[in-house]
N, C-alpha and C. Protein backbone atom coordinates (compact mmCIF):
# COMPACT_ATOMS: atom_id res chain seq x y z
N MET A 1 15.54 -17.27 10.43
CA MET A 1 15.16 -16.47 9.25
C MET A 1 15.12 -17.33 8.00
N LEU A 2 16.15 -18.14 7.85
CA LEU A 2 16.23 -18.99 6.67
C LEU A 2 15.11 -20.02 6.65
N SER A 3 14.79 -20.57 7.82
CA SER A 3 13.74 -21.60 7.89
C SER A 3 12.38 -21.03 7.48
N THR A 4 12.06 -19.81 7.90
CA THR A 4 10.78 -19.21 7.52
C THR A 4 10.72 -18.99 6.02
N THR A 5 11.83 -18.58 5.42
CA THR A 5 11.87 -18.38 3.97
C THR A 5 11.62 -19.70 3.25
N ILE A 6 12.20 -20.77 3.76
CA ILE A 6 12.01 -22.09 3.15
C ILE A 6 10.55 -22.52 3.27
N VAL A 7 9.97 -22.30 4.45
CA VAL A 7 8.57 -22.67 4.67
C VAL A 7 7.66 -21.90 3.72
N ILE A 8 7.90 -20.61 3.57
CA ILE A 8 7.09 -19.79 2.65
C ILE A 8 7.24 -20.28 1.21
N LEU A 9 8.47 -20.61 0.84
CA LEU A 9 8.72 -21.13 -0.51
C LEU A 9 7.95 -22.42 -0.74
N VAL A 10 8.04 -23.34 0.20
CA VAL A 10 7.36 -24.63 0.07
C VAL A 10 5.85 -24.44 -0.02
N LEU A 11 5.33 -23.55 0.82
CA LEU A 11 3.89 -23.29 0.82
C LEU A 11 3.44 -22.73 -0.53
N SER A 12 4.15 -21.75 -1.03
CA SER A 12 3.76 -21.14 -2.31
C SER A 12 3.86 -22.15 -3.45
N VAL A 13 4.89 -22.98 -3.42
CA VAL A 13 5.06 -23.99 -4.48
C VAL A 13 3.93 -25.00 -4.42
N SER A 14 3.56 -25.44 -3.22
CA SER A 14 2.48 -26.42 -3.10
C SER A 14 1.14 -25.82 -3.53
N VAL A 15 0.92 -24.55 -3.19
CA VAL A 15 -0.32 -23.89 -3.60
C VAL A 15 -0.38 -23.79 -5.13
N ALA A 16 0.75 -23.43 -5.74
CA ALA A 16 0.79 -23.33 -7.19
C ALA A 16 0.56 -24.70 -7.83
N ALA A 17 1.14 -25.74 -7.24
CA ALA A 17 0.96 -27.10 -7.77
C ALA A 17 -0.51 -27.51 -7.67
N LEU A 18 -1.16 -27.19 -6.54
CA LEU A 18 -2.57 -27.52 -6.38
C LEU A 18 -3.42 -26.80 -7.42
N GLY A 19 -3.12 -25.53 -7.67
CA GLY A 19 -3.86 -24.76 -8.67
C GLY A 19 -3.71 -25.36 -10.05
N LEU A 20 -2.47 -25.72 -10.38
CA LEU A 20 -2.22 -26.34 -11.69
C LEU A 20 -2.96 -27.66 -11.81
N LEU A 21 -2.93 -28.45 -10.75
CA LEU A 21 -3.60 -29.75 -10.77
C LEU A 21 -5.10 -29.57 -10.97
N ALA A 22 -5.69 -28.60 -10.27
CA ALA A 22 -7.13 -28.35 -10.40
C ALA A 22 -7.46 -27.92 -11.83
N ALA A 23 -6.65 -27.03 -12.40
CA ALA A 23 -6.89 -26.57 -13.77
C ALA A 23 -6.75 -27.73 -14.74
N TYR A 24 -5.76 -28.59 -14.52
CA TYR A 24 -5.54 -29.74 -15.40
C TYR A 24 -6.72 -30.70 -15.32
N GLN A 25 -7.21 -30.96 -14.10
CA GLN A 25 -8.35 -31.86 -13.95
C GLN A 25 -9.58 -31.29 -14.63
N GLN A 26 -9.79 -29.97 -14.49
CA GLN A 26 -10.95 -29.35 -15.13
C GLN A 26 -10.84 -29.49 -16.64
N HIS A 27 -9.63 -29.28 -17.16
CA HIS A 27 -9.39 -29.40 -18.60
C HIS A 27 -9.68 -30.83 -19.05
N GLN A 28 -9.21 -31.80 -18.28
CA GLN A 28 -9.44 -33.20 -18.62
C GLN A 28 -10.93 -33.51 -18.62
N LEU A 29 -11.66 -32.98 -17.63
CA LEU A 29 -13.10 -33.19 -17.56
C LEU A 29 -13.79 -32.65 -18.81
N GLN A 30 -13.37 -31.43 -19.23
CA GLN A 30 -13.96 -30.83 -20.41
C GLN A 30 -13.70 -31.71 -21.63
N ARG A 31 -12.46 -32.20 -21.78
CA ARG A 31 -12.12 -33.04 -22.91
C ARG A 31 -12.93 -34.33 -22.87
N LEU A 32 -13.09 -34.89 -21.67
CA LEU A 32 -13.86 -36.13 -21.53
C LEU A 32 -15.31 -35.91 -21.92
N ARG A 33 -15.89 -34.79 -21.49
CA ARG A 33 -17.28 -34.49 -21.82
C ARG A 33 -17.46 -34.36 -23.33
N SER A 34 -16.57 -33.59 -23.97
CA SER A 34 -16.69 -33.40 -25.42
C SER A 34 -16.50 -34.73 -26.15
N PHE A 35 -15.58 -35.57 -25.64
CA PHE A 35 -15.34 -36.87 -26.25
C PHE A 35 -16.57 -37.75 -26.15
N VAL A 36 -17.21 -37.76 -24.97
CA VAL A 36 -18.40 -38.58 -24.76
C VAL A 36 -19.54 -38.08 -25.65
N SER A 37 -19.73 -36.78 -25.72
CA SER A 37 -20.82 -36.24 -26.55
C SER A 37 -20.57 -36.57 -28.02
N GLN A 38 -19.30 -36.54 -28.43
CA GLN A 38 -18.96 -36.88 -29.81
C GLN A 38 -19.28 -38.36 -30.06
N LEU A 39 -18.94 -39.20 -29.11
CA LEU A 39 -19.24 -40.64 -29.23
C LEU A 39 -20.74 -40.84 -29.37
N LEU A 40 -21.52 -40.15 -28.53
CA LEU A 40 -22.98 -40.29 -28.57
C LEU A 40 -23.51 -39.84 -29.93
N GLN A 41 -23.00 -38.72 -30.45
CA GLN A 41 -23.44 -38.23 -31.75
C GLN A 41 -23.13 -39.25 -32.84
N ASN A 42 -21.91 -39.81 -32.80
CA ASN A 42 -21.53 -40.82 -33.78
C ASN A 42 -22.44 -42.03 -33.68
N TYR A 43 -22.75 -42.44 -32.46
CA TYR A 43 -23.62 -43.60 -32.25
C TYR A 43 -25.01 -43.33 -32.82
N ARG A 44 -25.51 -42.12 -32.58
CA ARG A 44 -26.84 -41.76 -33.09
C ARG A 44 -26.85 -41.77 -34.61
N THR A 45 -25.83 -41.17 -35.22
CA THR A 45 -25.80 -41.12 -36.69
C THR A 45 -25.65 -42.53 -37.26
N ASP A 46 -24.85 -43.37 -36.58
CA ASP A 46 -24.68 -44.75 -37.05
C ASP A 46 -25.99 -45.51 -36.96
N SER A 47 -26.69 -45.38 -35.86
CA SER A 47 -27.96 -46.10 -35.69
C SER A 47 -28.99 -45.56 -36.71
N GLY A 48 -28.93 -44.24 -36.97
CA GLY A 48 -29.84 -43.65 -37.95
C GLY A 48 -29.57 -44.21 -39.33
N LYS A 49 -28.30 -44.37 -39.68
CA LYS A 49 -27.94 -44.94 -40.98
C LYS A 49 -28.43 -46.38 -41.07
N SER A 50 -28.26 -47.17 -40.01
CA SER A 50 -28.67 -48.56 -40.04
C SER A 50 -30.20 -48.65 -40.12
N ASP A 51 -30.91 -47.69 -39.53
CA ASP A 51 -32.37 -47.70 -39.62
C ASP A 51 -32.82 -47.43 -41.05
N GLU A 52 -32.13 -46.52 -41.74
CA GLU A 52 -32.50 -46.17 -43.11
C GLU A 52 -32.33 -47.37 -44.05
N SER A 53 -31.20 -48.10 -43.88
CA SER A 53 -30.92 -49.21 -44.79
C SER A 53 -31.59 -50.52 -44.36
């Protein structure tokens, strides 16, 4: 009886950890995308300024 309870606990904890990891990775991807787009925008504005001058 005790062993099955431990197995269920371990399974639920690992599933929760996997869910958290997936959410964290998705969040990191979103941050990376916004960071890259910001870099591109800055690069475009910088090149535009250098073209003007």
